[in-house]
Amino acid sequence: MTQTTWPKGDKVFFTSDTHFGHQNILQYAQRPFKSVKEMDDTLIANWNQTVPPDGTVYHLGDFAFGDAERVAEIVKQLNGKIVLIRGNHDRNVEKDESLFSEIHDQHALLVEGQRILLNHYPMLCYAGTYSSSKPTWQLFGHLHLKAGGSGADFCRAEHCFPYQYDVGVDLNNYVPISWKQLRERILFQIKNNTNVAHWLKND
């Protein structure tokens, strides 16, 4: 597995499951938008208000629906470099890999000394989970977790480690989450011996 090192994480952001152009996601994920256009416009605006032009966004899959031309049109409107971790709906995205800075099935980061695994899916177990000094964190998407929501995979969240987190837009107010915000949330989970399911009740 490849790994990228970031001595400082101030320009690093994470997101997942934007599903640009996907009509059915409005109902499936209970998104508060009246149309796909409203969803896409809001996601693009939120992204650009959060990510600086010199930022890097790790997108953990299910980027967009539609033809490659539409995907390219969206990418060109977004700030920063985008590193894509493939999701189960990224077939059209791969038709023009030049749109993204990098594309991986999974990837590892070392951000300010913290090792992080990036996957589209939450993992039941993985290397580094039982380190007593500094366990490896794992970021994922796919579940479309959100406070007050429901979905076929919601129960998966109950089994996550405290050092796993869903970076999908549904759990994070439809905005990419910064390294600082992510660190605060995972450290809260570790300190309070809880996991990502906590945010479904308290976000």
N, C-alpha and C. Protein backbone atom coordinates (compact mmCIF):
# COMPACT_ATOMS: atom_id res chain seq x y z
N MET A 1 0.85 -1.19 0.00
CA MET A 1 0.00 0.00 0.00
C MET A 1 0.89 1.25 0.00
N THR A 2 0.58 2.19 -0.86
CA THR A 2 1.36 3.42 -0.92
C THR A 2 1.02 4.32 0.27
N GLN A 3 1.98 5.19 0.64
CA GLN A 3 1.77 6.10 1.76
C GLN A 3 2.29 7.49 1.41
N THR A 4 1.55 8.51 1.80
CA THR A 4 1.95 9.90 1.62
C THR A 4 2.16 10.52 3.00
N THR A 5 3.24 11.29 3.16
CA THR A 5 3.54 11.93 4.43
C THR A 5 3.26 13.42 4.38
N TRP A 6 2.55 13.90 5.39
CA TRP A 6 2.26 15.32 5.56
C TRP A 6 2.82 15.77 6.90
N PRO A 7 3.96 16.45 6.93
CA PRO A 7 4.50 16.96 8.21
C PRO A 7 3.54 17.92 8.90
N LYS A 8 2.77 18.67 8.10
CA LYS A 8 1.72 19.55 8.62
C LYS A 8 0.42 19.24 7.89
N GLY A 9 -0.70 19.29 8.63
CA GLY A 9 -1.96 18.90 8.03
C GLY A 9 -2.91 20.05 7.74
N ASP A 10 -2.40 21.29 7.78
CA ASP A 10 -3.29 22.45 7.65
C ASP A 10 -3.91 22.60 6.26
N LYS A 11 -3.38 21.92 5.26
CA LYS A 11 -3.94 22.01 3.91
C LYS A 11 -4.55 20.68 3.46
N VAL A 12 -4.82 19.80 4.44
CA VAL A 12 -5.34 18.46 4.13
C VAL A 12 -6.81 18.37 4.55
N PHE A 13 -7.64 17.85 3.64
CA PHE A 13 -9.08 17.73 3.87
C PHE A 13 -9.55 16.35 3.42
N PHE A 14 -10.73 15.95 3.94
CA PHE A 14 -11.28 14.64 3.63
C PHE A 14 -12.77 14.75 3.34
N THR A 15 -13.25 13.93 2.42
CA THR A 15 -14.68 13.86 2.16
C THR A 15 -14.98 12.55 1.46
N SER A 16 -16.26 12.29 1.26
CA SER A 16 -16.67 11.06 0.57
C SER A 16 -18.13 11.17 0.16
N ASP A 17 -18.51 10.35 -0.80
CA ASP A 17 -19.91 10.15 -1.16
C ASP A 17 -20.64 11.44 -1.53
N THR A 18 -19.99 12.27 -2.30
CA THR A 18 -20.68 13.46 -2.80
C THR A 18 -21.81 13.08 -3.75
N HIS A 19 -21.61 12.04 -4.55
CA HIS A 19 -22.64 11.57 -5.48
C HIS A 19 -23.17 12.71 -6.36
N PHE A 20 -22.26 13.55 -6.86
CA PHE A 20 -22.68 14.60 -7.78
C PHE A 20 -23.52 14.00 -8.91
N GLY A 21 -24.63 14.63 -9.22
CA GLY A 21 -25.46 14.20 -10.35
C GLY A 21 -26.34 12.99 -10.11
N HIS A 22 -26.43 12.52 -8.87
CA HIS A 22 -27.16 11.28 -8.58
C HIS A 22 -28.55 11.60 -8.03
N GLN A 23 -29.56 11.41 -8.84
CA GLN A 23 -30.94 11.72 -8.45
C GLN A 23 -31.41 10.89 -7.27
N ASN A 24 -31.16 9.59 -7.29
CA ASN A 24 -31.70 8.71 -6.27
C ASN A 24 -31.10 8.92 -4.88
N ILE A 25 -29.92 9.55 -4.83
CA ILE A 25 -29.29 9.74 -3.52
C ILE A 25 -30.07 10.72 -2.67
N LEU A 26 -30.86 11.60 -3.29
CA LEU A 26 -31.66 12.56 -2.54
C LEU A 26 -32.62 11.83 -1.59
N GLN A 27 -33.22 10.76 -2.10
CA GLN A 27 -34.15 9.99 -1.28
C GLN A 27 -33.41 8.98 -0.41
N TYR A 28 -32.47 8.28 -1.00
CA TYR A 28 -31.78 7.21 -0.26
C TYR A 28 -31.09 7.74 0.99
N ALA A 29 -30.39 8.86 0.83
CA ALA A 29 -29.63 9.42 1.95
C ALA A 29 -30.39 10.54 2.66
N GLN A 30 -31.64 10.74 2.28
CA GLN A 30 -32.49 11.75 2.91
C GLN A 30 -31.81 13.13 2.92
N ARG A 31 -31.32 13.51 1.76
CA ARG A 31 -30.61 14.79 1.66
C ARG A 31 -31.60 15.95 1.55
N PRO A 32 -31.29 17.08 2.16
CA PRO A 32 -32.25 18.20 2.25
C PRO A 32 -32.22 19.12 1.03
N PHE A 33 -32.25 18.54 -0.15
CA PHE A 33 -32.20 19.34 -1.37
C PHE A 33 -33.41 19.02 -2.23
N LYS A 34 -33.91 20.03 -2.93
CA LYS A 34 -35.11 19.86 -3.76
C LYS A 34 -34.78 19.26 -5.12
N SER A 35 -33.52 19.35 -5.54
CA SER A 35 -33.14 18.84 -6.84
C SER A 35 -31.66 18.48 -6.84
N VAL A 36 -31.25 17.73 -7.84
CA VAL A 36 -29.84 17.39 -7.99
C VAL A 36 -29.01 18.64 -8.23
N LYS A 37 -29.55 19.58 -9.00
CA LYS A 37 -28.83 20.82 -9.25
C LYS A 37 -28.57 21.58 -7.95
N GLU A 38 -29.58 21.66 -7.09
CA GLU A 38 -29.38 22.34 -5.81
C GLU A 38 -28.33 21.62 -4.98
N MET A 39 -28.38 20.29 -4.97
CA MET A 39 -27.38 19.52 -4.24
C MET A 39 -25.98 19.79 -4.78
N ASP A 40 -25.82 19.66 -6.09
CA ASP A 40 -24.50 19.86 -6.70
C ASP A 40 -23.97 21.26 -6.43
N ASP A 41 -24.81 22.26 -6.62
CA ASP A 41 -24.39 23.65 -6.42
C ASP A 41 -23.97 23.89 -4.97
N THR A 42 -24.72 23.30 -4.02
CA THR A 42 -24.40 23.47 -2.61
C THR A 42 -23.10 22.77 -2.25
N LEU A 43 -22.92 21.55 -2.73
CA LEU A 43 -21.69 20.81 -2.45
C LEU A 43 -20.46 21.53 -3.01
N ILE A 44 -20.59 22.07 -4.20
CA ILE A 44 -19.48 22.80 -4.82
C ILE A 44 -19.17 24.07 -4.02
N ALA A 45 -20.20 24.81 -3.65
CA ALA A 45 -19.99 26.04 -2.88
C ALA A 45 -19.37 25.74 -1.53
N ASN A 46 -19.88 24.74 -0.83
CA ASN A 46 -19.33 24.36 0.48
C ASN A 46 -17.87 23.95 0.37
N TRP A 47 -17.57 23.18 -0.66
CA TRP A 47 -16.19 22.72 -0.90
C TRP A 47 -15.27 23.93 -1.07
N ASN A 48 -15.64 24.86 -1.93
CA ASN A 48 -14.77 25.99 -2.25
C ASN A 48 -14.66 27.01 -1.13
N GLN A 49 -15.65 27.04 -0.24
CA GLN A 49 -15.57 27.91 0.93
C GLN A 49 -14.67 27.31 2.01
N THR A 50 -14.39 26.01 1.90
CA THR A 50 -13.63 25.29 2.92
C THR A 50 -12.21 24.98 2.48
N VAL A 51 -12.06 24.56 1.24
CA VAL A 51 -10.77 24.11 0.71
C VAL A 51 -10.08 25.24 -0.05
N PRO A 52 -8.86 25.60 0.33
CA PRO A 52 -8.15 26.64 -0.42
C PRO A 52 -7.64 26.10 -1.75
N PRO A 53 -7.31 26.98 -2.68
CA PRO A 53 -6.81 26.52 -3.98
C PRO A 53 -5.58 25.62 -3.88
N ASP A 54 -4.77 25.81 -2.83
CA ASP A 54 -3.57 24.99 -2.67
C ASP A 54 -3.79 23.84 -1.68
N GLY A 55 -5.04 23.51 -1.39
CA GLY A 55 -5.34 22.39 -0.50
C GLY A 55 -5.35 21.07 -1.25
N THR A 56 -5.37 19.98 -0.49
CA THR A 56 -5.50 18.64 -1.05
C THR A 56 -6.67 17.94 -0.38
N VAL A 57 -7.57 17.43 -1.19
CA VAL A 57 -8.75 16.74 -0.67
C VAL A 57 -8.62 15.25 -0.98
N TYR A 58 -8.71 14.43 0.05
CA TYR A 58 -8.78 12.99 -0.13
C TYR A 58 -10.25 12.62 -0.17
N HIS A 59 -10.70 12.22 -1.35
CA HIS A 59 -12.12 11.88 -1.56
C HIS A 59 -12.22 10.36 -1.53
N LEU A 60 -12.98 9.84 -0.55
CA LEU A 60 -13.00 8.41 -0.31
C LEU A 60 -14.11 7.67 -1.06
N GLY A 61 -14.39 8.12 -2.26
CA GLY A 61 -15.21 7.33 -3.16
C GLY A 61 -16.62 7.81 -3.38
N ASP A 62 -17.23 7.31 -4.47
CA ASP A 62 -18.56 7.68 -4.94
C ASP A 62 -18.61 9.18 -5.21
N PHE A 63 -17.74 9.60 -6.11
CA PHE A 63 -17.59 11.01 -6.43
C PHE A 63 -18.79 11.56 -7.21
N ALA A 64 -19.14 10.90 -8.33
CA ALA A 64 -20.18 11.48 -9.18
C ALA A 64 -20.84 10.43 -10.06
N PHE A 65 -22.03 10.76 -10.50
CA PHE A 65 -22.75 9.97 -11.50
C PHE A 65 -22.79 10.80 -12.79
N GLY A 66 -23.10 10.14 -13.90
CA GLY A 66 -23.16 10.85 -15.17
C GLY A 66 -21.97 10.50 -16.05
N ASP A 67 -21.94 11.08 -17.24
CA ASP A 67 -20.87 10.76 -18.17
C ASP A 67 -19.58 11.48 -17.78
N ALA A 68 -18.50 11.07 -18.43
CA ALA A 68 -17.18 11.61 -18.08
C ALA A 68 -17.12 13.12 -18.28
N GLU A 69 -17.86 13.61 -19.26
CA GLU A 69 -17.86 15.06 -19.52
C GLU A 69 -18.44 15.84 -18.34
N ARG A 70 -19.52 15.31 -17.77
CA ARG A 70 -20.14 15.97 -16.61
C ARG A 70 -19.22 15.90 -15.40
N VAL A 71 -18.57 14.77 -15.22
CA VAL A 71 -17.62 14.62 -14.11
C VAL A 71 -16.50 15.64 -14.25
N ALA A 72 -15.97 15.80 -15.46
CA ALA A 72 -14.89 16.76 -15.69
C ALA A 72 -15.35 18.18 -15.40
N GLU A 73 -16.59 18.48 -15.76
CA GLU A 73 -17.14 19.82 -15.51
C GLU A 73 -17.18 20.13 -14.01
N ILE A 74 -17.54 19.14 -13.20
CA ILE A 74 -17.59 19.32 -11.75
C ILE A 74 -16.19 19.48 -11.17
N VAL A 75 -15.28 18.60 -11.55
CA VAL A 75 -13.92 18.65 -11.02
C VAL A 75 -13.29 20.01 -11.25
N LYS A 76 -13.51 20.58 -12.42
CA LYS A 76 -12.90 21.86 -12.77
C LYS A 76 -13.42 23.02 -11.92
N GLN A 77 -14.56 22.82 -11.26
CA GLN A 77 -15.12 23.88 -10.40
C GLN A 77 -14.63 23.79 -8.96
N LEU A 78 -13.91 22.74 -8.62
CA LEU A 78 -13.54 22.50 -7.23
C LEU A 78 -12.12 22.93 -6.91
N ASN A 79 -11.94 23.58 -5.78
CA ASN A 79 -10.61 24.01 -5.33
C ASN A 79 -9.73 22.81 -4.95
N GLY A 80 -8.43 23.01 -5.13
CA GLY A 80 -7.45 22.06 -4.62
C GLY A 80 -7.22 20.86 -5.51
N LYS A 81 -6.23 20.07 -5.11
CA LYS A 81 -5.97 18.78 -5.76
C LYS A 81 -6.90 17.74 -5.14
N ILE A 82 -7.34 16.78 -5.94
CA ILE A 82 -8.22 15.73 -5.45
C ILE A 82 -7.54 14.37 -5.62
N VAL A 83 -7.39 13.66 -4.52
CA VAL A 83 -6.90 12.29 -4.55
C VAL A 83 -8.11 11.39 -4.32
N LEU A 84 -8.42 10.55 -5.29
CA LEU A 84 -9.61 9.72 -5.22
C LEU A 84 -9.27 8.32 -4.73
N ILE A 85 -10.01 7.86 -3.72
CA ILE A 85 -9.99 6.48 -3.29
C ILE A 85 -11.26 5.86 -3.87
N ARG A 86 -11.12 4.91 -4.75
CA ARG A 86 -12.27 4.42 -5.51
C ARG A 86 -13.38 3.88 -4.61
N GLY A 87 -14.62 4.25 -4.95
CA GLY A 87 -15.80 3.69 -4.32
C GLY A 87 -16.52 2.77 -5.29
N ASN A 88 -17.64 2.21 -4.86
CA ASN A 88 -18.36 1.26 -5.72
C ASN A 88 -19.11 1.93 -6.85
N HIS A 89 -19.20 3.27 -6.86
CA HIS A 89 -19.90 3.97 -7.93
C HIS A 89 -18.97 4.85 -8.77
N ASP A 90 -17.71 4.52 -8.83
CA ASP A 90 -16.75 5.38 -9.52
C ASP A 90 -16.33 4.86 -10.89
N ARG A 91 -17.19 4.11 -11.55
CA ARG A 91 -16.83 3.56 -12.86
C ARG A 91 -16.62 4.65 -13.90
N ASN A 92 -17.53 5.61 -13.98
CA ASN A 92 -17.40 6.67 -14.99
C ASN A 92 -16.24 7.60 -14.69
N VAL A 93 -15.96 7.79 -13.42
CA VAL A 93 -14.87 8.67 -13.02
C VAL A 93 -13.55 8.18 -13.59
N GLU A 94 -13.38 6.88 -13.65
CA GLU A 94 -12.11 6.32 -14.07
C GLU A 94 -11.85 6.47 -15.57
N LYS A 95 -12.83 6.91 -16.33
CA LYS A 95 -12.63 7.05 -17.77
C LYS A 95 -11.65 8.16 -18.10
N ASP A 96 -11.47 9.11 -17.19
CA ASP A 96 -10.48 10.16 -17.42
C ASP A 96 -9.71 10.37 -16.11
N GLU A 97 -8.73 9.51 -15.89
CA GLU A 97 -7.98 9.54 -14.64
C GLU A 97 -7.17 10.82 -14.48
N SER A 98 -6.97 11.56 -15.57
CA SER A 98 -6.19 12.80 -15.49
C SER A 98 -6.93 13.88 -14.70
N LEU A 99 -8.22 13.67 -14.43
CA LEU A 99 -8.98 14.65 -13.66
C LEU A 99 -8.52 14.72 -12.21
N PHE A 100 -7.91 13.65 -11.73
CA PHE A 100 -7.53 13.56 -10.33
C PHE A 100 -6.02 13.53 -10.18
N SER A 101 -5.55 14.07 -9.06
CA SER A 101 -4.12 14.08 -8.79
C SER A 101 -3.59 12.65 -8.68
N GLU A 102 -4.35 11.79 -8.00
CA GLU A 102 -4.01 10.37 -7.86
C GLU A 102 -5.31 9.60 -7.73
N ILE A 103 -5.27 8.30 -8.07
CA ILE A 103 -6.40 7.40 -7.84
C ILE A 103 -5.86 6.12 -7.22
N HIS A 104 -6.50 5.68 -6.12
CA HIS A 104 -6.08 4.46 -5.43
C HIS A 104 -7.31 3.63 -5.07
N ASP A 105 -7.09 2.34 -4.84
CA ASP A 105 -8.13 1.52 -4.23
C ASP A 105 -8.12 1.72 -2.72
N GLN A 106 -6.94 1.88 -2.15
CA GLN A 106 -6.77 2.26 -0.76
C GLN A 106 -5.43 2.96 -0.65
N HIS A 107 -5.26 3.72 0.42
CA HIS A 107 -4.04 4.53 0.53
C HIS A 107 -3.77 4.79 2.00
N ALA A 108 -2.52 5.05 2.33
CA ALA A 108 -2.14 5.37 3.71
C ALA A 108 -1.53 6.76 3.76
N LEU A 109 -1.78 7.45 4.87
CA LEU A 109 -1.19 8.76 5.11
C LEU A 109 -0.45 8.75 6.44
N LEU A 110 0.53 9.62 6.55
CA LEU A 110 1.16 9.93 7.83
C LEU A 110 1.04 11.44 7.98
N VAL A 111 0.07 11.87 8.80
CA VAL A 111 -0.21 13.30 8.96
C VAL A 111 0.21 13.72 10.37
N GLU A 112 1.20 14.59 10.43
CA GLU A 112 1.73 15.06 11.73
C GLU A 112 2.02 13.88 12.66
N GLY A 113 2.57 12.82 12.07
CA GLY A 113 2.98 11.65 12.84
C GLY A 113 1.89 10.62 13.07
N GLN A 114 0.66 10.90 12.64
CA GLN A 114 -0.45 9.96 12.84
C GLN A 114 -0.68 9.16 11.56
N ARG A 115 -0.61 7.82 11.66
CA ARG A 115 -0.87 6.97 10.49
C ARG A 115 -2.37 6.80 10.30
N ILE A 116 -2.81 6.94 9.04
CA ILE A 116 -4.22 6.87 8.70
C ILE A 116 -4.40 5.99 7.45
N LEU A 117 -5.36 5.09 7.51
CA LEU A 117 -5.71 4.29 6.34
C LEU A 117 -6.97 4.87 5.70
N LEU A 118 -6.97 4.98 4.40
CA LEU A 118 -8.10 5.52 3.64
C LEU A 118 -8.72 4.41 2.81
N ASN A 119 -10.00 4.17 3.01
CA ASN A 119 -10.75 3.17 2.25
C ASN A 119 -12.16 3.70 2.03
N HIS A 120 -12.83 3.20 1.01
CA HIS A 120 -14.23 3.59 0.83
C HIS A 120 -15.11 2.98 1.91
N TYR A 121 -14.73 1.78 2.38
CA TYR A 121 -15.57 1.04 3.32
C TYR A 121 -14.94 1.01 4.72
N PRO A 122 -15.78 0.96 5.78
CA PRO A 122 -15.23 0.76 7.12
C PRO A 122 -14.70 -0.67 7.24
N MET A 123 -13.61 -0.83 7.98
CA MET A 123 -12.97 -2.14 8.11
C MET A 123 -13.22 -2.69 9.51
N LEU A 124 -13.52 -3.98 9.58
CA LEU A 124 -13.77 -4.64 10.85
C LEU A 124 -12.49 -4.79 11.66
N CYS A 125 -11.40 -5.03 10.98
CA CYS A 125 -10.09 -5.08 11.64
C CYS A 125 -9.02 -4.76 10.61
N TYR A 126 -7.91 -4.25 11.07
CA TYR A 126 -6.82 -3.87 10.18
C TYR A 126 -5.55 -3.70 11.02
N ALA A 127 -4.40 -3.69 10.38
CA ALA A 127 -3.13 -3.59 11.09
C ALA A 127 -3.04 -2.28 11.85
N GLY A 128 -2.58 -2.33 13.08
CA GLY A 128 -2.36 -1.13 13.86
C GLY A 128 -3.48 -0.75 14.79
N THR A 129 -4.54 -1.57 14.85
CA THR A 129 -5.69 -1.19 15.68
C THR A 129 -5.42 -1.34 17.17
N TYR A 130 -4.50 -2.22 17.52
CA TYR A 130 -4.29 -2.48 18.94
C TYR A 130 -2.99 -1.90 19.48
N SER A 131 -2.43 -0.94 18.79
CA SER A 131 -1.24 -0.26 19.29
C SER A 131 -1.62 0.53 20.54
N SER A 132 -0.92 0.29 21.63
CA SER A 132 -1.27 0.95 22.90
C SER A 132 -0.85 2.42 22.90
N SER A 133 0.16 2.78 22.13
CA SER A 133 0.65 4.15 22.16
C SER A 133 0.00 5.04 21.11
N LYS A 134 -0.15 4.54 19.88
CA LYS A 134 -0.73 5.36 18.82
C LYS A 134 -1.40 4.45 17.78
N PRO A 135 -2.66 4.07 18.00
CA PRO A 135 -3.33 3.21 17.03
C PRO A 135 -3.51 3.90 15.69
N THR A 136 -3.51 3.09 14.65
CA THR A 136 -3.76 3.60 13.30
C THR A 136 -5.23 3.97 13.15
N TRP A 137 -5.49 5.14 12.59
CA TRP A 137 -6.85 5.57 12.33
C TRP A 137 -7.30 5.05 10.96
N GLN A 138 -8.60 4.87 10.81
CA GLN A 138 -9.14 4.49 9.50
C GLN A 138 -10.32 5.38 9.14
N LEU A 139 -10.25 5.96 7.96
CA LEU A 139 -11.32 6.83 7.47
C LEU A 139 -12.06 6.10 6.36
N PHE A 140 -13.37 6.33 6.29
CA PHE A 140 -14.20 5.62 5.32
C PHE A 140 -15.39 6.49 4.92
N GLY A 141 -16.18 5.99 4.00
CA GLY A 141 -17.43 6.61 3.59
C GLY A 141 -18.48 5.51 3.47
N HIS A 142 -19.23 5.52 2.40
CA HIS A 142 -20.15 4.46 1.99
C HIS A 142 -21.41 4.34 2.84
N LEU A 143 -21.33 4.54 4.16
CA LEU A 143 -22.48 4.27 5.02
C LEU A 143 -23.54 5.38 5.00
N HIS A 144 -23.18 6.56 4.54
CA HIS A 144 -24.11 7.70 4.52
C HIS A 144 -24.72 7.94 5.90
N LEU A 145 -23.88 7.92 6.91
CA LEU A 145 -24.35 8.17 8.26
C LEU A 145 -24.76 9.63 8.42
N LYS A 146 -25.81 9.88 9.19
CA LYS A 146 -26.21 11.24 9.51
C LYS A 146 -27.14 11.19 10.72
N ALA A 147 -27.11 12.24 11.51
CA ALA A 147 -27.99 12.32 12.67
C ALA A 147 -29.45 12.27 12.22
N GLY A 148 -30.23 11.40 12.84
CA GLY A 148 -31.64 11.30 12.51
C GLY A 148 -31.93 10.54 11.24
N GLY A 149 -30.90 10.01 10.59
CA GLY A 149 -31.10 9.31 9.33
C GLY A 149 -31.34 7.82 9.55
N SER A 150 -31.45 7.12 8.46
CA SER A 150 -31.59 5.67 8.51
C SER A 150 -31.02 5.12 7.22
N GLY A 151 -30.66 3.85 7.25
CA GLY A 151 -30.10 3.24 6.06
C GLY A 151 -29.73 1.80 6.35
N ALA A 152 -29.58 1.04 5.30
CA ALA A 152 -29.33 -0.39 5.45
C ALA A 152 -28.05 -0.68 6.21
N ASP A 153 -27.07 0.21 6.12
CA ASP A 153 -25.77 -0.05 6.73
C ASP A 153 -25.52 0.74 8.01
N PHE A 154 -26.53 1.40 8.55
CA PHE A 154 -26.32 2.21 9.75
C PHE A 154 -25.77 1.39 10.92
N CYS A 155 -26.23 0.14 11.02
CA CYS A 155 -25.80 -0.71 12.14
C CYS A 155 -24.30 -0.95 12.15
N ARG A 156 -23.65 -0.78 11.00
CA ARG A 156 -22.20 -1.01 10.93
C ARG A 156 -21.44 -0.05 11.85
N ALA A 157 -21.98 1.14 12.01
CA ALA A 157 -21.28 2.16 12.80
C ALA A 157 -21.06 1.72 14.24
N GLU A 158 -21.97 0.93 14.77
CA GLU A 158 -21.86 0.48 16.15
C GLU A 158 -20.63 -0.36 16.40
N HIS A 159 -20.08 -0.94 15.34
CA HIS A 159 -18.94 -1.86 15.48
C HIS A 159 -17.59 -1.20 15.19
N CYS A 160 -17.60 0.08 14.92
CA CYS A 160 -16.36 0.78 14.59
C CYS A 160 -15.49 1.00 15.83
N PHE A 161 -14.19 1.05 15.61
CA PHE A 161 -13.26 1.44 16.66
C PHE A 161 -13.40 2.93 16.95
N PRO A 162 -12.97 3.39 18.11
CA PRO A 162 -12.97 4.84 18.38
C PRO A 162 -12.12 5.63 17.39
N TYR A 163 -11.14 4.96 16.77
CA TYR A 163 -10.24 5.65 15.85
C TYR A 163 -10.61 5.42 14.39
N GLN A 164 -11.90 5.18 14.15
CA GLN A 164 -12.44 5.17 12.79
C GLN A 164 -13.44 6.32 12.67
N TYR A 165 -13.55 6.87 11.45
CA TYR A 165 -14.49 7.99 11.26
C TYR A 165 -15.02 8.01 9.83
N ASP A 166 -16.30 8.33 9.71
CA ASP A 166 -16.98 8.46 8.42
C ASP A 166 -16.83 9.90 7.94
N VAL A 167 -16.05 10.09 6.86
CA VAL A 167 -15.83 11.44 6.35
C VAL A 167 -16.84 11.82 5.27
N GLY A 168 -17.87 11.00 5.07
CA GLY A 168 -18.88 11.28 4.07
C GLY A 168 -19.61 12.59 4.32
N VAL A 169 -20.10 13.20 3.26
CA VAL A 169 -20.74 14.51 3.38
C VAL A 169 -21.99 14.47 4.25
N ASP A 170 -22.67 13.33 4.29
CA ASP A 170 -23.93 13.27 5.04
C ASP A 170 -23.71 13.47 6.54
N LEU A 171 -22.59 13.02 7.07
CA LEU A 171 -22.30 13.17 8.49
C LEU A 171 -21.62 14.50 8.81
N ASN A 172 -21.12 15.18 7.80
CA ASN A 172 -20.27 16.35 8.03
C ASN A 172 -20.83 17.62 7.38
N ASN A 173 -22.16 17.76 7.47
CA ASN A 173 -22.84 18.98 7.00
C ASN A 173 -22.56 19.32 5.55
N TYR A 174 -22.30 18.28 4.74
CA TYR A 174 -22.10 18.45 3.29
C TYR A 174 -20.88 19.32 2.98
N VAL A 175 -19.87 19.21 3.84
CA VAL A 175 -18.64 20.00 3.73
C VAL A 175 -17.44 19.07 3.92
N PRO A 176 -16.36 19.23 3.16
CA PRO A 176 -15.14 18.47 3.46
C PRO A 176 -14.67 18.77 4.89
N ILE A 177 -14.17 17.76 5.56
CA ILE A 177 -13.71 17.94 6.94
C ILE A 177 -12.20 18.15 6.94
N SER A 178 -11.75 19.14 7.67
CA SER A 178 -10.32 19.46 7.72
C SER A 178 -9.59 18.48 8.63
N TRP A 179 -8.27 18.42 8.49
CA TRP A 179 -7.46 17.60 9.38
C TRP A 179 -7.68 18.01 10.83
N LYS A 180 -7.74 19.29 11.12
CA LYS A 180 -7.94 19.76 12.49
C LYS A 180 -9.27 19.27 13.05
N GLN A 181 -10.35 19.39 12.27
CA GLN A 181 -11.66 18.93 12.72
C GLN A 181 -11.69 17.42 12.92
N LEU A 182 -11.09 16.71 11.97
CA LEU A 182 -11.04 15.25 12.06
C LEU A 182 -10.30 14.82 13.32
N ARG A 183 -9.16 15.44 13.56
CA ARG A 183 -8.35 15.10 14.73
C ARG A 183 -9.15 15.34 16.02
N GLU A 184 -9.85 16.45 16.09
CA GLU A 184 -10.66 16.76 17.28
C GLU A 184 -11.73 15.70 17.50
N ARG A 185 -12.38 15.27 16.42
CA ARG A 185 -13.46 14.29 16.56
C ARG A 185 -12.93 12.92 16.99
N ILE A 186 -11.85 12.47 16.37
CA ILE A 186 -11.34 11.15 16.73
C ILE A 186 -10.75 11.16 18.13
N LEU A 187 -10.05 12.21 18.51
CA LEU A 187 -9.53 12.29 19.87
C LEU A 187 -10.66 12.33 20.90
N PHE A 188 -11.77 12.98 20.56
CA PHE A 188 -12.95 12.96 21.43
C PHE A 188 -13.47 11.53 21.59
N GLN A 189 -13.57 10.81 20.48
CA GLN A 189 -14.06 9.44 20.52
C GLN A 189 -13.15 8.56 21.39
N ILE A 190 -11.84 8.72 21.22
CA ILE A 190 -10.90 7.92 21.99
C ILE A 190 -11.01 8.26 23.48
N LYS A 191 -11.01 9.54 23.80
CA LYS A 191 -11.07 9.98 25.20
C LYS A 191 -12.33 9.49 25.89
N ASN A 192 -13.45 9.47 25.16
CA ASN A 192 -14.73 9.13 25.75
C ASN A 192 -15.14 7.67 25.47
N ASN A 193 -14.22 6.91 24.93
CA ASN A 193 -14.47 5.49 24.64
C ASN A 193 -15.78 5.30 23.87
N THR A 194 -15.95 6.10 22.84
CA THR A 194 -17.13 5.99 21.99
C THR A 194 -16.65 5.84 20.55
N ASN A 195 -17.55 5.89 19.61
CA ASN A 195 -17.15 5.77 18.21
C ASN A 195 -18.03 6.67 17.34
N VAL A 196 -17.96 6.48 16.04
CA VAL A 196 -18.65 7.38 15.12
C VAL A 196 -20.16 7.38 15.32
N ALA A 197 -20.71 6.33 15.91
CA ALA A 197 -22.15 6.30 16.18
C ALA A 197 -22.57 7.41 17.14
N HIS A 198 -21.64 7.91 17.94
CA HIS A 198 -21.93 9.02 18.85
C HIS A 198 -22.50 10.22 18.11
N TRP A 199 -21.98 10.50 16.93
CA TRP A 199 -22.38 11.71 16.20
C TRP A 199 -23.76 11.58 15.58
N LEU A 200 -24.27 10.36 15.49
CA LEU A 200 -25.63 10.17 14.97
C LEU A 200 -26.67 10.65 15.96
N LYS A 201 -26.30 10.66 17.23
CA LYS A 201 -27.24 11.06 18.29
C LYS A 201 -27.00 12.48 18.76
N ASN A 202 -25.79 12.99 18.53
CA ASN A 202 -25.42 14.25 19.15
C ASN A 202 -24.96 15.33 18.19
N ASP A 203 -24.98 15.08 16.91
CA ASP A 203 -24.47 16.07 15.96
C ASP A 203 -25.49 17.19 15.78
